[in-house]
């Protein structure tokens, strides 16, 4: 089921969003396998760091639409943090 946010995205943003969704799903799957097969503890902070690291690698591999989307999201996140004073929780809840 496609959400409203996805339907109103520009075509370039959709490409970046699709890349981000695939990247996050892949990292969650890898983390899940690590937890199941190696008895690792699930850590959200590690997962977020891994996603950000992987975004950087995808950026170096010329995933330009993903880079544009992340730049836009980070700019919005910084604005949301400054306005709300609550950090990224408010921004992430909005997504």
Protein backbone atom coordinates (compact mmCIF):
# COMPACT_ATOMS: atom_id res chain seq x y z
CA UNK A 1 0.00 0.00 0.00
CA UNK A 2 1.44 3.32 -1.06
CA UNK A 3 1.08 6.17 1.40
CA UNK A 4 0.09 9.77 0.69
CA UNK A 5 3.64 10.97 1.21
CA UNK A 6 4.88 8.74 -1.57
CA UNK A 7 2.15 9.80 -3.98
CA UNK A 8 2.96 13.50 -3.67
CA UNK A 9 6.72 13.06 -4.08
CA UNK A 10 8.38 14.37 -7.19
CA UNK A 11 9.76 11.72 -9.52
CA UNK A 12 13.37 12.37 -8.47
CA UNK A 13 12.38 12.18 -4.81
CA UNK A 14 10.64 8.85 -5.43
CA UNK A 15 13.85 7.41 -6.81
CA UNK A 16 15.73 8.59 -3.74
CA UNK A 17 12.99 7.33 -1.44
CA UNK A 18 12.99 3.93 -3.15
CA UNK A 19 16.76 3.71 -2.70
CA UNK A 20 16.46 4.64 0.96
CA UNK A 21 13.72 2.07 1.56
CA UNK A 22 15.78 -0.68 -0.07
CA UNK A 23 18.89 0.34 1.86
CA UNK A 24 17.11 0.41 5.23
CA UNK A 25 15.36 -2.90 4.56
CA UNK A 26 18.67 -4.51 3.62
CA UNK A 27 20.40 -3.20 6.74
CA UNK A 28 17.53 -4.36 8.97
CA UNK A 29 17.70 -7.81 7.36
CA UNK A 30 21.47 -8.03 7.91
CA UNK A 31 21.08 -6.90 11.52
CA UNK A 32 18.32 -9.43 12.09
CA UNK A 33 20.54 -12.22 10.74
CA UNK A 34 23.37 -11.11 13.02
CA UNK A 35 21.03 -11.22 16.02
CA UNK A 36 19.59 -14.62 15.10
CA UNK A 37 22.71 -16.46 14.00
CA UNK A 38 25.37 -14.83 16.19
CA UNK A 39 23.22 -14.04 19.25
CA UNK A 40 24.01 -10.35 18.96
CA UNK A 41 21.84 -7.89 20.82
CA UNK A 42 19.67 -5.60 18.72
CA UNK A 43 20.90 -2.00 18.90
CA UNK A 44 19.03 0.78 17.20
CA UNK A 45 21.99 3.16 17.39
CA UNK A 46 24.24 0.67 15.62
CA UNK A 47 21.56 0.11 13.02
CA UNK A 48 21.24 3.83 12.38
CA UNK A 49 25.00 4.22 12.10
CA UNK A 50 25.16 1.31 9.64
CA UNK A 51 22.43 2.86 7.50
CA UNK A 52 24.22 6.21 7.47
CA UNK A 53 27.52 4.54 6.58
CA UNK A 54 25.85 2.61 3.78
CA UNK A 55 24.20 5.83 2.53
CA UNK A 56 27.66 7.32 2.26
CA UNK A 57 28.86 4.34 0.24
CA UNK A 58 25.85 4.51 -2.04
CA UNK A 59 26.56 8.21 -2.47
CA UNK A 60 30.11 7.44 -3.58
CA UNK A 61 28.60 4.95 -6.04
CA UNK A 62 26.68 7.87 -7.57
CA UNK A 63 23.22 7.31 -6.09
CA UNK A 64 22.52 10.98 -6.74
CA UNK A 65 18.79 10.93 -6.02
CA UNK A 66 19.46 9.33 -2.64
CA UNK A 67 22.03 12.03 -1.87
CA UNK A 68 19.56 14.75 -2.80
CA UNK A 69 16.84 13.20 -0.65
CA UNK A 70 19.13 12.85 2.36
CA UNK A 71 20.35 16.43 2.01
CA UNK A 72 16.74 17.59 1.94
CA UNK A 73 15.80 15.44 4.94
CA UNK A 74 18.79 16.60 6.97
CA UNK A 75 18.00 20.24 6.23
CA UNK A 76 14.41 19.69 7.33
CA UNK A 77 15.55 17.75 10.41
CA UNK A 78 17.83 20.55 11.50
CA UNK A 79 15.02 23.05 11.06
CA UNK A 80 12.62 20.81 13.00
CA UNK A 81 15.15 20.41 15.80
CA UNK A 82 15.74 24.13 16.07
CA UNK A 83 12.03 24.90 16.08
CA UNK A 84 10.86 22.14 18.41
CA UNK A 85 13.82 21.73 20.74
CA UNK A 86 13.04 18.00 20.92
CA UNK A 87 15.63 16.66 18.51
CA UNK A 88 14.88 14.37 15.63
CA UNK A 89 12.05 12.50 17.35
CA UNK A 90 9.53 15.09 16.23
CA UNK A 91 10.86 15.03 12.67
CA UNK A 92 10.98 11.23 12.40
CA UNK A 93 7.44 10.97 13.73
CA UNK A 94 6.38 13.29 10.92
CA UNK A 95 7.84 10.98 8.26
